[in-house]
Structures are given as structure tokens and as C-alpha cells.
Amino acid sequence: MSSGFSPGRGGGVIAAFDAAEVSILRSLVSMVLGLVAPGQTSDDPLERALGIGDGKAPSDPVLARLFPSAYEDERESSEFRRYTEATLRDGKRSDAQTLLDTAEPGRVELTPEQAQAWMRALNDVRLTLGTRLEVTEEIHQELESMSEDDPRYPAFVTYDWLTYLQDSLVRALW
């Protein structure tokens, strides 16, 4: 199992992953990449060309978590979403692609920019998995009392590993 990230040269970070870990990371990041594909666009051709969305809040709880409302007021939130969601989706896809392009078995050395992209991509994966699993703050107690035969056990262990990985990355960067 990966020992996490450690500081590297020039503000970058270093980690080592085995093939199974890389496979898990690639699979989960690919799942998120599919979720953050371009969203609903406006029916207006000019707005569509400019990437202006339809402003509708996502009905999928994962997408609602990845793209939360910016305002309490539904109208203001919808207007904000129209102009920002496409750019946010582009950023999430770019971060995911950076992780996919740089994750490989063995030693991985990331530049500061790649490490930041990994941090955001890992966060998106954790938000996605955590929402689907309905993770609460009591995850560690729940995991300790969960039987390894529980069908949720592998997903909870994966979530815990992702949390550790992200924490080690944050610590290595700062």
C-alpha cells in the first residue's frame, strides 16, 4: 500500500503506487470524469456557443454536492450557475485528466501544479464516493464495527484510503 505523498523537488511531491492502487484511482477518477461531462446548455445558440448553461440545479445528489448552489435564493443561484457551471465542469475534467495522465505504478513525481490538480481530483472522488455511501463524521467508528463481509466494506475502506492519500498530499504541499 502507498505510504502517501512526501515533499519533492521544487515544491512538488513524490509518491509510490502499486498497480492495484493505480487501477482503483483510475477507475474512480474515470467515474467522476463521466459525471462531470458537459452539462445542460441553453437552447439559445449564442448562449450555447458561450457555454452558458440552463441554470437548473442538478437532481443527482452527487452532482449537487460537486456543484452546490452558490446562493440561498433559487433565482440568484440559478443565474450564477448559468454562467459558471461550464467552467467548473471544465476544471474538474482537467484535474481528473491530469491525475489519469500522471498516475502510474511505481514512483510518481508531480509538479506543484499537478499536485494541486490531484488534490482537487481526489476531493471530487471523495465527495462522489462519500455521497453515494452516505458517509458521516462517524465513518471511522462505523468502519471499525463493520464486518469485512459487509458488502459496503470495500467501498468504505477505499474512501478511508482516499482520505489518507489526500491528507498526505496536503501535508506534503504545506
C-alpha atoms as a PDB file:
ATOM      1  CA  MET A   1       0.000   0.000   0.000  1.00  0.00           C
ATOM      2  CA  SER A   2       1.145   3.509  -0.794  1.00  0.00           C
ATOM      3  CA  SER A   3       2.879   5.321   2.014  1.00  0.00           C
ATOM      4  CA  GLY A   4       1.290   8.520   0.767  1.00  0.00           C
ATOM      5  CA  PHE A   5       2.901  11.640  -0.561  1.00  0.00           C
ATOM      6  CA  SER A   6       6.077  13.309   0.608  1.00  0.00           C
ATOM      7  CA  PRO A   7       7.660  16.609  -0.419  1.00  0.00           C
ATOM      8  CA  GLY A   8       9.628  16.525  -3.650  1.00  0.00           C
ATOM      9  CA  ARG A   9      11.906  18.873  -5.519  1.00  0.00           C
ATOM     10  CA  GLY A  10      10.876  22.405  -6.396  1.00  0.00           C
ATOM     11  CA  GLY A  11       7.677  22.354  -4.371  1.00  0.00           C
ATOM     12  CA  GLY A  12       6.411  19.168  -5.988  1.00  0.00           C
ATOM     13  CA  VAL A  13       5.517  15.885  -4.330  1.00  0.00           C
ATOM     14  CA  ILE A  14       6.508  12.239  -4.628  1.00  0.00           C
ATOM     15  CA  ALA A  15       4.555   9.038  -4.017  1.00  0.00           C
ATOM     16  CA  ALA A  16       4.810   5.394  -4.982  1.00  0.00           C
ATOM     17  CA  PHE A  17       1.806   3.331  -6.004  1.00  0.00           C
ATOM     18  CA  ASP A  18       1.352  -0.313  -6.794  1.00  0.00           C
ATOM     19  CA  ALA A  19      -0.606  -1.421  -9.857  1.00  0.00           C
ATOM     20  CA  ALA A  20      -3.797  -2.151  -7.877  1.00  0.00           C
ATOM     21  CA  GLU A  21      -3.802   1.328  -6.330  1.00  0.00           C
ATOM     22  CA  VAL A  22      -3.350   2.942  -9.728  1.00  0.00           C
ATOM     23  CA  SER A  23      -6.176   0.815 -11.108  1.00  0.00           C
ATOM     24  CA  ILE A  24      -8.501   1.926  -8.296  1.00  0.00           C
ATOM     25  CA  LEU A  25      -7.555   5.586  -8.730  1.00  0.00           C
ATOM     26  CA  ARG A  26      -8.032   5.453 -12.499  1.00  0.00           C
ATOM     27  CA  SER A  27     -11.380   3.698 -12.171  1.00  0.00           C
ATOM     28  CA  LEU A  28     -12.752   6.160  -9.621  1.00  0.00           C
ATOM     29  CA  VAL A  29     -11.440   9.230 -11.422  1.00  0.00           C
ATOM     30  CA  SER A  30     -12.877   7.945 -14.715  1.00  0.00           C
ATOM     31  CA  MET A  31     -16.243   7.591 -12.967  1.00  0.00           C
ATOM     32  CA  VAL A  32     -16.086  11.230 -11.853  1.00  0.00           C
ATOM     33  CA  LEU A  33     -14.951  12.277 -15.305  1.00  0.00           C
ATOM     34  CA  GLY A  34     -18.123  10.741 -16.721  1.00  0.00           C
ATOM     35  CA  LEU A  35     -20.245  12.551 -14.144  1.00  0.00           C
ATOM     36  CA  VAL A  36     -18.797  15.984 -14.887  1.00  0.00           C
ATOM     37  CA  ALA A  37     -19.213  15.768 -18.646  1.00  0.00           C
ATOM     38  CA  PRO A  38     -20.609  18.983 -20.111  1.00  0.00           C
ATOM     39  CA  GLY A  39     -23.963  19.784 -18.539  1.00  0.00           C
ATOM     40  CA  GLN A  40     -27.216  21.053 -19.936  1.00  0.00           C
ATOM     41  CA  THR A  41     -26.774  24.087 -22.145  1.00  0.00           C
ATOM     42  CA  SER A  42     -29.170  26.812 -23.077  1.00  0.00           C
ATOM     43  CA  ASP A  43     -31.457  26.454 -26.090  1.00  0.00           C
ATOM     44  CA  ASP A  44     -30.164  29.790 -27.372  1.00  0.00           C
ATOM     45  CA  PRO A  45     -27.390  29.234 -29.998  1.00  0.00           C
ATOM     46  CA  LEU A  46     -25.311  32.215 -28.818  1.00  0.00           C
ATOM     47  CA  GLU A  47     -25.548  31.174 -25.161  1.00  0.00           C
ATOM     48  CA  ARG A  48     -24.688  27.596 -26.143  1.00  0.00           C
ATOM     49  CA  ALA A  49     -21.609  28.851 -28.049  1.00  0.00           C
ATOM     50  CA  LEU A  50     -20.537  30.830 -24.982  1.00  0.00           C
ATOM     51  CA  GLY A  51     -21.007  27.828 -22.691  1.00  0.00           C
ATOM     52  CA  ILE A  52     -23.901  29.363 -20.797  1.00  0.00           C
ATOM     53  CA  GLY A  53     -25.910  26.630 -19.116  1.00  0.00           C
ATOM     54  CA  ASP A  54     -29.587  26.261 -18.433  1.00  0.00           C
ATOM     55  CA  GLY A  55     -29.143  27.184 -14.749  1.00  0.00           C
ATOM     56  CA  LYS A  56     -31.023  24.170 -13.410  1.00  0.00           C
ATOM     57  CA  ALA A  57     -29.731  22.668 -10.185  1.00  0.00           C
ATOM     58  CA  PRO A  58     -28.702  19.020 -10.603  1.00  0.00           C
ATOM     59  CA  SER A  59     -31.143  16.415  -9.341  1.00  0.00           C
ATOM     60  CA  ASP A  60     -28.389  13.816  -8.777  1.00  0.00           C
ATOM     61  CA  PRO A  61     -27.156  14.175  -5.155  1.00  0.00           C
ATOM     62  CA  VAL A  62     -23.549  13.651  -6.269  1.00  0.00           C
ATOM     63  CA  LEU A  63     -23.718  16.433  -8.840  1.00  0.00           C
ATOM     64  CA  ALA A  64     -25.477  18.640  -6.313  1.00  0.00           C
ATOM     65  CA  ARG A  65     -22.505  18.021  -3.986  1.00  0.00           C
ATOM     66  CA  LEU A  66     -19.919  18.634  -6.715  1.00  0.00           C
ATOM     67  CA  PHE A  67     -21.757  21.754  -7.958  1.00  0.00           C
ATOM     68  CA  PRO A  68     -23.509  23.205  -4.902  1.00  0.00           C
ATOM     69  CA  SER A  69     -25.806  26.195  -5.074  1.00  0.00           C
ATOM     70  CA  ALA A  70     -23.981  29.469  -4.577  1.00  0.00           C
ATOM     71  CA  TYR A  71     -26.919  31.306  -3.025  1.00  0.00           C
ATOM     72  CA  GLU A  72     -29.867  30.561  -0.781  1.00  0.00           C
ATOM     73  CA  ASP A  73     -32.182  32.293  -3.237  1.00  0.00           C
ATOM     74  CA  GLU A  74     -33.088  29.847  -6.017  1.00  0.00           C
ATOM     75  CA  ARG A  75     -33.267  32.531  -8.724  1.00  0.00           C
ATOM     76  CA  GLU A  76     -29.871  34.018  -7.844  1.00  0.00           C
ATOM     77  CA  SER A  77     -28.345  30.566  -7.607  1.00  0.00           C
ATOM     78  CA  SER A  78     -29.769  29.594 -10.996  1.00  0.00           C
ATOM     79  CA  GLU A  79     -28.404  32.750 -12.623  1.00  0.00           C
ATOM     80  CA  PHE A  80     -24.963  32.187 -11.080  1.00  0.00           C
ATOM     81  CA  ARG A  81     -24.995  28.545 -12.174  1.00  0.00           C
ATOM     82  CA  ARG A  82     -25.828  29.513 -15.782  1.00  0.00           C
ATOM     83  CA  TYR A  83     -22.567  31.441 -16.110  1.00  0.00           C
ATOM     84  CA  THR A  84     -20.178  29.361 -14.004  1.00  0.00           C
ATOM     85  CA  GLU A  85     -21.070  25.679 -14.186  1.00  0.00           C
ATOM     86  CA  ALA A  86     -19.491  25.039 -17.601  1.00  0.00           C
ATOM     87  CA  THR A  87     -16.163  26.466 -16.403  1.00  0.00           C
ATOM     88  CA  LEU A  88     -16.365  24.485 -13.159  1.00  0.00           C
ATOM     89  CA  ARG A  89     -17.034  21.292 -15.126  1.00  0.00           C
ATOM     90  CA  ASP A  90     -14.085  22.060 -17.431  1.00  0.00           C
ATOM     91  CA  GLY A  91     -11.828  22.487 -14.397  1.00  0.00           C
ATOM     92  CA  LYS A  92     -12.958  19.218 -12.828  1.00  0.00           C
ATOM     93  CA  ARG A  93     -12.395  17.372 -16.106  1.00  0.00           C
ATOM     94  CA  SER A  94      -8.943  18.922 -16.464  1.00  0.00           C
ATOM     95  CA  ASP A  95      -7.978  17.922 -12.912  1.00  0.00           C
ATOM     96  CA  ALA A  96      -9.257  14.385 -13.470  1.00  0.00           C
ATOM     97  CA  GLN A  97      -7.344  14.127 -16.727  1.00  0.00           C
ATOM     98  CA  THR A  98      -4.133  15.303 -15.034  1.00  0.00           C
ATOM     99  CA  LEU A  99      -4.482  12.515 -12.476  1.00  0.00           C
ATOM    100  CA  LEU A 100      -5.197   9.953 -15.203  1.00  0.00           C
ATOM    101  CA  ASP A 101      -2.170  11.158 -17.203  1.00  0.00           C
ATOM    102  CA  THR A 102       0.249  11.017 -14.270  1.00  0.00           C
ATOM    103  CA  ALA A 103      -0.932   8.046 -12.169  1.00  0.00           C
ATOM    104  CA  GLU A 104       1.252   5.028 -12.845  1.00  0.00           C
ATOM    105  CA  PRO A 105       2.632   2.109 -10.887  1.00  0.00           C
ATOM    106  CA  GLY A 106       5.905   2.875  -9.167  1.00  0.00           C
ATOM    107  CA  ARG A 107       7.335   6.253  -8.268  1.00  0.00           C
ATOM    108  CA  VAL A 108       5.217   9.243  -9.245  1.00  0.00           C
ATOM    109  CA  GLU A 109       6.714  12.724  -9.069  1.00  0.00           C
ATOM    110  CA  LEU A 110       4.295  15.608  -9.501  1.00  0.00           C
ATOM    111  CA  THR A 111       4.957  19.285 -10.141  1.00  0.00           C
ATOM    112  CA  PRO A 112       3.218  21.727  -7.788  1.00  0.00           C
ATOM    113  CA  GLU A 113       0.549  22.332 -10.450  1.00  0.00           C
ATOM    114  CA  GLN A 114      -0.049  18.609 -10.984  1.00  0.00           C
ATOM    115  CA  ALA A 115      -0.192  18.067  -7.216  1.00  0.00           C
ATOM    116  CA  GLN A 116      -2.867  20.767  -6.917  1.00  0.00           C
ATOM    117  CA  ALA A 117      -4.854  19.067  -9.709  1.00  0.00           C
ATOM    118  CA  TRP A 118      -4.514  15.714  -7.909  1.00  0.00           C
ATOM    119  CA  MET A 119      -5.745  17.311  -4.682  1.00  0.00           C
ATOM    120  CA  ARG A 120      -8.850  18.673  -6.395  1.00  0.00           C
ATOM    121  CA  ALA A 121      -9.461  15.415  -8.298  1.00  0.00           C
ATOM    122  CA  LEU A 122      -9.100  13.329  -5.117  1.00  0.00           C
ATOM    123  CA  ASN A 123     -11.517  15.679  -3.386  1.00  0.00           C
ATOM    124  CA  ASP A 124     -14.055  15.187  -6.194  1.00  0.00           C
ATOM    125  CA  VAL A 125     -13.666  11.406  -5.947  1.00  0.00           C
ATOM    126  CA  ARG A 126     -14.124  11.539  -2.160  1.00  0.00           C
ATOM    127  CA  LEU A 127     -17.198  13.761  -2.478  1.00  0.00           C
ATOM    128  CA  THR A 128     -18.670  11.401  -5.061  1.00  0.00           C
ATOM    129  CA  LEU A 129     -17.973   8.231  -3.116  1.00  0.00           C
ATOM    130  CA  GLY A 130     -18.898   9.806   0.211  1.00  0.00           C
ATOM    131  CA  THR A 131     -22.254  10.995  -1.142  1.00  0.00           C
ATOM    132  CA  ARG A 132     -23.070   7.607  -2.638  1.00  0.00           C
ATOM    133  CA  LEU A 133     -22.087   5.855   0.620  1.00  0.00           C
ATOM    134  CA  GLU A 134     -23.843   8.473   2.764  1.00  0.00           C
ATOM    135  CA  VAL A 135     -20.639   8.905   4.775  1.00  0.00           C
ATOM    136  CA  THR A 136     -20.985  10.777   8.059  1.00  0.00           C
ATOM    137  CA  GLU A 137     -18.447  12.096  10.531  1.00  0.00           C
ATOM    138  CA  GLU A 138     -18.701   8.764  12.323  1.00  0.00           C
ATOM    139  CA  ILE A 139     -17.089   6.897   9.392  1.00  0.00           C
ATOM    140  CA  HIS A 140     -14.172   5.631  11.480  1.00  0.00           C
ATOM    141  CA  GLN A 141     -16.430   4.204  14.182  1.00  0.00           C
ATOM    142  CA  GLU A 142     -18.682   2.702  11.514  1.00  0.00           C
ATOM    143  CA  LEU A 143     -15.711   1.180   9.688  1.00  0.00           C
ATOM    144  CA  GLU A 144     -14.277  -0.284  12.921  1.00  0.00           C
ATOM    145  CA  SER A 145     -17.566  -2.001  13.733  1.00  0.00           C
ATOM    146  CA  MET A 146     -18.278  -3.088  10.140  1.00  0.00           C
ATOM    147  CA  SER A 147     -17.731  -6.722   9.270  1.00  0.00           C
ATOM    148  CA  GLU A 148     -15.403  -7.435   6.371  1.00  0.00           C
ATOM    149  CA  ASP A 149     -18.306  -9.468   4.957  1.00  0.00           C
ATOM    150  CA  ASP A 150     -20.457  -6.331   4.742  1.00  0.00           C
ATOM    151  CA  PRO A 151     -20.888  -5.539   1.028  1.00  0.00           C
ATOM    152  CA  ARG A 152     -20.128  -1.872   1.780  1.00  0.00           C
ATOM    153  CA  TYR A 153     -16.806  -2.674   3.457  1.00  0.00           C
ATOM    154  CA  PRO A 154     -14.554  -2.399   0.353  1.00  0.00           C
ATOM    155  CA  ALA A 155     -16.073   0.952  -0.602  1.00  0.00           C
ATOM    156  CA  PHE A 156     -15.678   2.324   2.938  1.00  0.00           C
ATOM    157  CA  VAL A 157     -12.055   1.139   3.074  1.00  0.00           C
ATOM    158  CA  THR A 158     -11.440   2.765  -0.304  1.00  0.00           C
ATOM    159  CA  TYR A 159     -12.976   6.012   0.951  1.00  0.00           C
ATOM    160  CA  ASP A 160     -10.730   5.862   4.021  1.00  0.00           C
ATOM    161  CA  TRP A 161      -7.657   5.249   1.826  1.00  0.00           C
ATOM    162  CA  LEU A 162      -8.567   8.212  -0.392  1.00  0.00           C
ATOM    163  CA  THR A 163      -8.890  10.380   2.726  1.00  0.00           C
ATOM    164  CA  TYR A 164      -5.433   9.278   3.869  1.00  0.00           C
ATOM    165  CA  LEU A 165      -3.978   9.886   0.403  1.00  0.00           C
ATOM    166  CA  GLN A 166      -5.463  13.367   0.172  1.00  0.00           C
ATOM    167  CA  ASP A 167      -4.306  14.220   3.696  1.00  0.00           C
ATOM    168  CA  SER A 168      -0.740  13.114   2.908  1.00  0.00           C
ATOM    169  CA  LEU A 169      -0.814  15.219  -0.264  1.00  0.00           C
ATOM    170  CA  VAL A 170      -1.963  18.307   1.622  1.00  0.00           C
ATOM    171  CA  ARG A 171       0.767  17.775   4.243  1.00  0.00           C
ATOM    172  CA  ALA A 172       3.440  17.266   1.575  1.00  0.00           C
ATOM    173  CA  LEU A 173       2.458  20.510  -0.142  1.00  0.00           C
ATOM    174  CA  TRP A 174       2.404  22.522   3.049  1.00  0.00           C
END
